[in-house]
Amino acid sequence: MSSTEEIQTPERVGAERGSQSIGHIIAEANQLKPDDVERILAHQRATGLRFGEAAVALGLVRDEDVVWALSQQFHFPYAAGSEARSSEELVLAHKPFSAQAEAFRVLRSQLMMRVFASATPRPALAVISPDSGDGKSFFAANLAAALSQLGGRTLLVDADMRNPRQHELCGVDGASGLSGVLAGRPESGVIRAVPELPSLFVLPVGTRPPNPSELVERPAFGLLMNELRAKFDYVVIDTPAASYGADYAVIAARAGAALALARRDRSRVAGLRAMTDSLKNTPATLHGVVLNEF
């Protein structure tokens, strides 16, 4: 074999990268020599492994290199190593083939059928939970990431003005955002793109306000939600924990849809029931309760 272009592997699927095989992409990106490629192919024939698995087994590439090659072949967003700006908690970007990432894809499929299938414009989805520490911000960020990987423009709104985290999770500037818009300050460019996920955008909290309840109660918040729902394919909203007050219920009512989150071995049934019961007389439709086991 005289060049890596002659590589033939069982993983060749042709489509998204000019019909290049995974083997070709791995060899090219890692500058593998023809002798290295021959060793990989020999090991592949002897063991029945895929090209990438054989290359990892021989110590010629890392697991991360194989995932990156897959992302290139299928145009699949992936946050690569030290260059990533987002937090590793954004598992859909950093560990796209992990059990956590797959759990979010399963949930995404359910939501597509039950929440987003028929309504036009689609409702925004508020993620609510009884207490701090339930994993709500982690959950909202990864759910938004999963929706963005369908190709539609997805907006993650950080409406938790008591404990904002989405700018940190997504690796964007959080100096200005939702609080300034609701307070009537002239701010521009507050919606920011997430570098590792091309279809995902974030509206961070910005400056943490002293009066979060009053801000979400204002008509401006409802008008903003209507505008965002019309401009984005999917809108996911992170909310304050119910233990802080009624902010979550107001936000869910403006969103139109809600998904409750409980944490295994932490959330109390009484608190969860009180939170979900409080939505019964609001415009928000509660679409279920998710148990966070991570």
Protein backbone atom coordinates (compact mmCIF):
# COMPACT_ATOMS: atom_id res chain seq x y z
CA MET A 1 0.00 0.00 0.00
CA SER A 2 1.52 3.29 -1.05
CA SER A 3 -0.85 5.83 0.46
CA THR A 4 -3.54 6.12 3.08
CA GLU A 5 -6.09 6.82 0.34
CA GLU A 6 -6.19 3.09 -0.37
CA ILE A 7 -7.56 2.26 3.09
CA GLN A 8 -10.66 0.06 2.96
CA THR A 9 -12.54 -0.50 6.21
CA PRO A 10 -15.96 -1.87 7.17
CA GLU A 11 -16.85 1.60 8.48
CA ARG A 12 -16.97 3.22 5.05
CA VAL A 13 -20.35 4.88 4.69
CA GLY A 14 -19.56 7.44 2.08
CA ALA A 15 -21.99 10.24 2.67
CA GLU A 16 -21.16 13.32 4.65
CA ARG A 17 -17.45 13.84 4.03
CA GLY A 18 -16.92 13.25 0.34
CA SER A 19 -17.18 9.43 0.73
CA GLN A 20 -14.11 9.29 2.98
CA SER A 21 -13.94 6.33 5.35
CA ILE A 22 -13.35 6.65 9.06
CA GLY A 23 -9.98 5.03 8.44
CA HIS A 24 -8.99 7.69 5.96
CA ILE A 25 -10.03 10.53 8.27
CA ILE A 26 -8.19 9.01 11.26
CA ALA A 27 -5.03 8.37 9.26
CA GLU A 28 -5.02 11.85 7.74
CA ALA A 29 -5.75 13.73 10.98
CA ASN A 30 -3.16 11.79 13.00
CA GLN A 31 -0.54 11.73 10.24
CA LEU A 32 -0.27 7.95 10.31
CA LYS A 33 2.44 6.50 8.12
CA PRO A 34 1.70 3.74 5.55
CA ASP A 35 3.39 1.22 7.84
CA ASP A 36 1.09 2.27 10.70
CA VAL A 37 -1.94 1.82 8.48
CA GLU A 38 -0.74 -1.65 7.47
CA ARG A 39 -0.37 -2.60 11.14
CA ILE A 40 -3.89 -1.38 11.89
CA LEU A 41 -5.38 -3.27 8.96
CA ALA A 42 -3.54 -6.45 9.92
CA HIS A 43 -4.79 -6.15 13.50
CA GLN A 44 -8.25 -5.44 12.19
CA ARG A 45 -8.25 -8.60 10.06
CA ALA A 46 -6.92 -10.70 12.94
CA THR A 47 -9.35 -9.46 15.57
CA GLY A 48 -12.45 -8.34 13.69
CA LEU A 49 -12.26 -4.89 15.26
CA ARG A 50 -13.21 -1.75 13.42
CA PHE A 51 -10.43 0.38 12.04
CA GLY A 52 -10.67 2.98 14.81
CA GLU A 53 -10.83 0.34 17.54
CA ALA A 54 -7.80 -1.42 16.12
CA ALA A 55 -5.86 1.85 15.95
CA VAL A 56 -6.69 2.57 19.61
CA ALA A 57 -5.74 -0.97 20.63
CA LEU A 58 -2.31 -0.53 19.00
CA GLY A 59 -1.80 2.80 20.77
CA LEU A 60 -1.59 4.78 17.54
CA VAL A 61 -4.59 7.03 18.27
CA ARG A 62 -6.81 7.89 21.24
CA ASP A 63 -10.48 7.20 21.76
CA GLU A 64 -11.05 10.96 21.42
CA ASP A 65 -9.47 10.87 17.96
CA VAL A 66 -11.96 8.25 16.81
CA VAL A 67 -14.92 10.23 18.16
CA TRP A 68 -13.61 13.33 16.40
CA ALA A 69 -13.32 11.40 13.13
CA LEU A 70 -16.92 10.23 13.46
CA SER A 71 -18.02 13.81 14.11
CA GLN A 72 -16.26 14.92 10.92
CA GLN A 73 -17.74 12.16 8.79
CA PHE A 74 -21.30 12.78 9.92
CA HIS A 75 -21.03 16.53 10.61
CA PHE A 76 -21.79 15.71 14.24
CA PRO A 77 -20.98 18.54 16.69
CA TYR A 78 -18.24 17.58 19.12
CA ALA A 79 -16.21 19.57 21.65
CA ALA A 80 -12.61 18.54 21.19
CA GLY A 81 -10.34 18.48 24.24
CA SER A 82 -8.55 21.57 25.49
CA GLU A 83 -9.96 23.78 22.73
CA ALA A 84 -13.50 23.48 24.09
CA ARG A 85 -14.95 26.50 25.85
CA SER A 86 -18.03 24.80 27.26
CA SER A 87 -18.11 22.85 30.51
CA GLU A 88 -17.69 19.07 30.45
CA GLU A 89 -21.15 18.95 32.04
CA LEU A 90 -22.44 19.58 28.51
CA VAL A 91 -22.16 15.87 27.78
CA LEU A 92 -23.92 16.07 24.41
CA ALA A 93 -20.89 18.02 23.17
CA HIS A 94 -18.07 16.41 25.15
CA LYS A 95 -19.23 12.78 25.44
CA PRO A 96 -21.74 12.33 22.62
CA PHE A 97 -21.73 8.51 22.81
CA SER A 98 -22.00 8.19 26.59
CA ALA A 99 -24.93 6.67 28.48
CA GLN A 100 -25.86 10.17 29.68
CA ALA A 101 -25.98 11.54 26.14
CA GLU A 102 -28.09 8.61 24.96
CA ALA A 103 -30.55 9.17 27.82
CA PHE A 104 -31.09 12.74 26.62
CA ARG A 105 -31.67 11.52 23.06
CA VAL A 106 -34.33 9.09 24.29
CA LEU A 107 -36.04 11.90 26.19
CA ARG A 108 -35.76 14.16 23.14
CA SER A 109 -37.64 11.60 21.05
CA GLN A 110 -40.46 11.50 23.60
CA LEU A 111 -40.70 15.28 23.70
CA MET A 112 -40.75 15.53 19.92
CA MET A 113 -43.81 13.27 19.83
CA ARG A 114 -45.65 14.63 22.86
CA VAL A 115 -44.77 18.33 23.10
CA PHE A 116 -43.37 19.68 19.86
CA ALA A 117 -45.23 17.65 17.24
CA SER A 118 -48.37 19.67 16.56
CA ALA A 119 -48.42 23.15 18.13
CA THR A 120 -47.44 26.14 15.96
CA PRO A 121 -45.50 28.00 17.16
CA ARG A 122 -44.13 25.35 19.45
CA PRO A 123 -44.36 26.10 23.16
CA ALA A 124 -41.26 26.94 25.08
CA LEU A 125 -40.35 24.27 27.62
CA ALA A 126 -39.59 25.32 31.19
CA VAL A 127 -37.53 22.88 33.24
CA ILE A 128 -38.65 23.04 36.89
CA SER A 129 -37.51 21.25 40.05
CA PRO A 130 -38.28 21.44 43.78
CA ASP A 131 -34.85 22.24 45.18
CA SER A 132 -31.37 23.48 44.37
CA GLY A 133 -29.02 20.63 43.61
CA ASP A 134 -31.56 18.62 41.61
CA GLY A 135 -29.43 19.02 38.47
CA LYS A 136 -31.88 21.31 36.69
CA SER A 137 -29.30 23.54 34.96
CA PHE A 138 -27.31 20.50 33.80
CA PHE A 139 -30.52 18.91 32.56
CA ALA A 140 -31.80 22.01 30.73
CA ALA A 141 -28.45 22.60 29.00
CA ASN A 142 -28.14 19.04 27.74
CA LEU A 143 -31.77 18.84 26.67
CA ALA A 144 -31.30 22.02 24.64
CA ALA A 145 -28.09 20.58 23.17
CA ALA A 146 -29.92 17.40 22.18
CA LEU A 147 -32.67 19.39 20.45
CA SER A 148 -30.10 21.52 18.63
CA GLN A 149 -28.54 18.39 17.14
CA LEU A 150 -31.73 17.85 15.15
CA GLY A 151 -30.65 20.84 13.08
CA GLY A 152 -33.26 23.37 14.20
CA ARG A 153 -32.26 26.62 15.86
CA THR A 154 -32.50 26.04 19.61
CA LEU A 155 -32.41 28.68 22.32
CA LEU A 156 -31.50 27.98 25.94
CA VAL A 157 -32.85 30.75 28.18
CA ASP A 158 -31.33 31.12 31.63
CA ALA A 159 -34.23 32.48 33.68
CA ASP A 160 -32.73 31.35 36.99
CA MET A 161 -31.82 34.85 38.09
CA ARG A 162 -31.07 33.60 41.60
CA ASN A 163 -28.34 31.13 40.66
CA PRO A 164 -27.44 31.50 36.96
CA ARG A 165 -25.15 28.86 35.47
CA GLN A 166 -25.88 28.50 31.77
CA HIS A 167 -23.20 30.97 30.63
CA GLU A 168 -20.63 28.82 32.45
CA LEU A 169 -21.96 25.52 31.15
CA CYS A 170 -22.07 26.74 27.56
CA GLY A 171 -18.86 28.77 27.63
CA VAL A 172 -20.32 32.15 26.64
CA ASP A 173 -20.05 35.70 27.97
CA GLY A 174 -22.58 36.29 30.71
CA ALA A 175 -22.05 40.00 31.33
CA SER A 176 -25.42 40.99 29.86
CA GLY A 177 -28.64 39.17 29.17
CA LEU A 178 -32.20 38.53 30.28
CA SER A 179 -32.23 40.72 33.38
CA GLY A 180 -31.15 43.76 31.39
CA VAL A 181 -33.79 43.14 28.71
CA LEU A 182 -36.58 42.81 31.31
CA ALA A 183 -35.35 45.88 33.19
CA GLY A 184 -35.63 47.91 29.98
CA ARG A 185 -31.92 48.58 29.56
CA PRO A 186 -30.76 49.07 25.96
CA GLU A 187 -28.72 45.92 25.41
CA SER A 188 -27.84 44.25 22.10
CA GLY A 189 -26.26 40.96 21.19
CA VAL A 190 -27.50 39.26 24.34
CA ILE A 191 -28.24 35.97 22.54
CA ARG A 192 -24.96 34.16 22.04
CA ALA A 193 -23.97 31.16 19.96
CA VAL A 194 -22.46 28.12 21.70
CA PRO A 195 -19.11 27.51 19.96
CA GLU A 196 -19.21 23.70 19.95
CA LEU A 197 -22.86 23.31 18.92
CA PRO A 198 -23.65 25.35 15.79
CA SER A 199 -27.45 25.30 16.19
CA LEU A 200 -27.51 26.11 19.91
CA PHE A 201 -27.85 29.65 21.30
CA VAL A 202 -27.98 30.97 24.86
CA LEU A 203 -29.69 33.93 26.46
CA PRO A 204 -27.82 34.23 29.79
CA VAL A 205 -29.11 36.03 32.86
CA GLY A 206 -26.56 38.82 32.71
CA THR A 207 -26.35 40.92 35.85
CA ARG A 208 -28.01 39.13 38.77
CA PRO A 209 -30.93 41.39 39.79
CA PRO A 210 -32.18 42.08 43.33
CA ASN A 211 -35.83 41.61 42.23
CA PRO A 212 -36.08 38.47 40.03
CA SER A 213 -39.72 37.78 40.92
CA GLU A 214 -40.84 41.22 39.82
CA LEU A 215 -38.93 40.97 36.53
CA VAL A 216 -40.57 37.72 35.40
CA GLU A 217 -43.99 39.01 36.50
CA ARG A 218 -43.74 41.96 34.12
CA PRO A 219 -45.62 41.79 30.79
CA ALA A 220 -42.26 42.22 29.05
CA PHE A 221 -41.32 38.64 29.92
CA GLY A 222 -44.42 37.19 28.27
CA LEU A 223 -43.89 39.35 25.19
CA LEU A 224 -40.26 38.26 25.01
CA MET A 225 -41.25 34.59 25.21
CA ASN A 226 -43.71 35.00 22.34
CA GLU A 227 -41.03 36.64 20.22
CA LEU A 228 -38.42 33.98 20.99
CA ARG A 229 -40.83 31.13 20.27
CA ALA A 230 -41.51 32.63 16.85
CA LYS A 231 -37.82 33.02 16.01
CA PHE A 232 -36.45 29.69 17.24
CA ASP A 233 -37.45 26.13 16.51
CA TYR A 234 -37.04 25.10 20.15
CA VAL A 235 -36.82 27.14 23.35
CA VAL A 236 -35.75 25.55 26.65
CA ILE A 237 -35.87 27.61 29.86
CA ASP A 238 -33.87 27.03 33.03
CA THR A 239 -35.84 28.21 36.07
CA PRO A 240 -35.17 28.84 39.78
CA ALA A 241 -35.88 25.99 42.16
CA ALA A 242 -39.40 26.00 43.62
CA SER A 243 -37.91 26.37 47.11
CA TYR A 244 -37.02 29.99 46.21
CA GLY A 245 -40.63 31.00 45.57
CA ALA A 246 -43.15 31.18 42.76
CA ASP A 247 -40.78 32.34 39.99
CA TYR A 248 -40.78 28.90 38.36
CA ALA A 249 -44.60 28.85 38.06
CA VAL A 250 -44.71 32.29 36.46
CA ILE A 251 -42.00 31.32 33.98
CA ALA A 252 -43.72 28.03 33.14
CA ALA A 253 -46.99 29.85 32.54
CA ARG A 254 -45.30 32.22 30.10
CA ALA A 255 -43.53 29.30 28.41
CA GLY A 256 -46.66 27.24 27.88
CA ALA A 257 -45.10 23.88 28.74
CA ALA A 258 -43.16 22.47 31.66
CA LEU A 259 -41.11 19.40 32.50
CA ALA A 260 -40.47 18.59 36.16
CA LEU A 261 -37.18 17.16 37.36
CA ALA A 262 -36.64 15.15 40.54
CA ARG A 263 -33.35 13.76 41.79
CA ARG A 264 -32.95 10.17 42.88
CA ASP A 265 -32.48 9.75 46.66
CA ARG A 266 -32.79 13.52 47.15
CA SER A 267 -36.14 14.95 46.09
CA ARG A 268 -39.08 14.54 48.46
CA VAL A 269 -42.43 13.40 47.15
CA ALA A 270 -44.30 16.09 49.10
CA GLY A 271 -42.22 18.90 47.61
CA LEU A 272 -42.54 17.48 44.11
CA ARG A 273 -46.30 17.10 44.44
CA ALA A 274 -46.72 20.64 45.78
CA MET A 275 -44.72 22.03 42.86
CA THR A 276 -46.62 20.14 40.18
CA ASP A 277 -50.01 20.85 41.79
CA SER A 278 -49.26 24.58 41.68
CA LEU A 279 -49.31 24.45 37.86
CA LYS A 280 -52.84 23.06 37.61
CA ASN A 281 -54.53 26.47 37.43
CA THR A 282 -51.98 28.06 35.10
CA PRO A 283 -51.67 28.14 31.30
CA ALA A 284 -48.68 25.79 31.56
CA THR A 285 -49.09 22.15 30.56
CA LEU A 286 -47.00 19.78 32.66
CA HIS A 287 -45.69 17.09 30.32
CA GLY A 288 -44.21 14.76 32.91
CA VAL A 289 -41.63 14.20 35.61
CA VAL A 290 -38.10 13.04 34.89
CA LEU A 291 -35.98 11.25 37.49
CA ASN A 292 -32.39 12.45 37.41
CA GLU A 293 -30.08 9.53 38.22
CA PHE A 294 -26.83 11.26 37.21
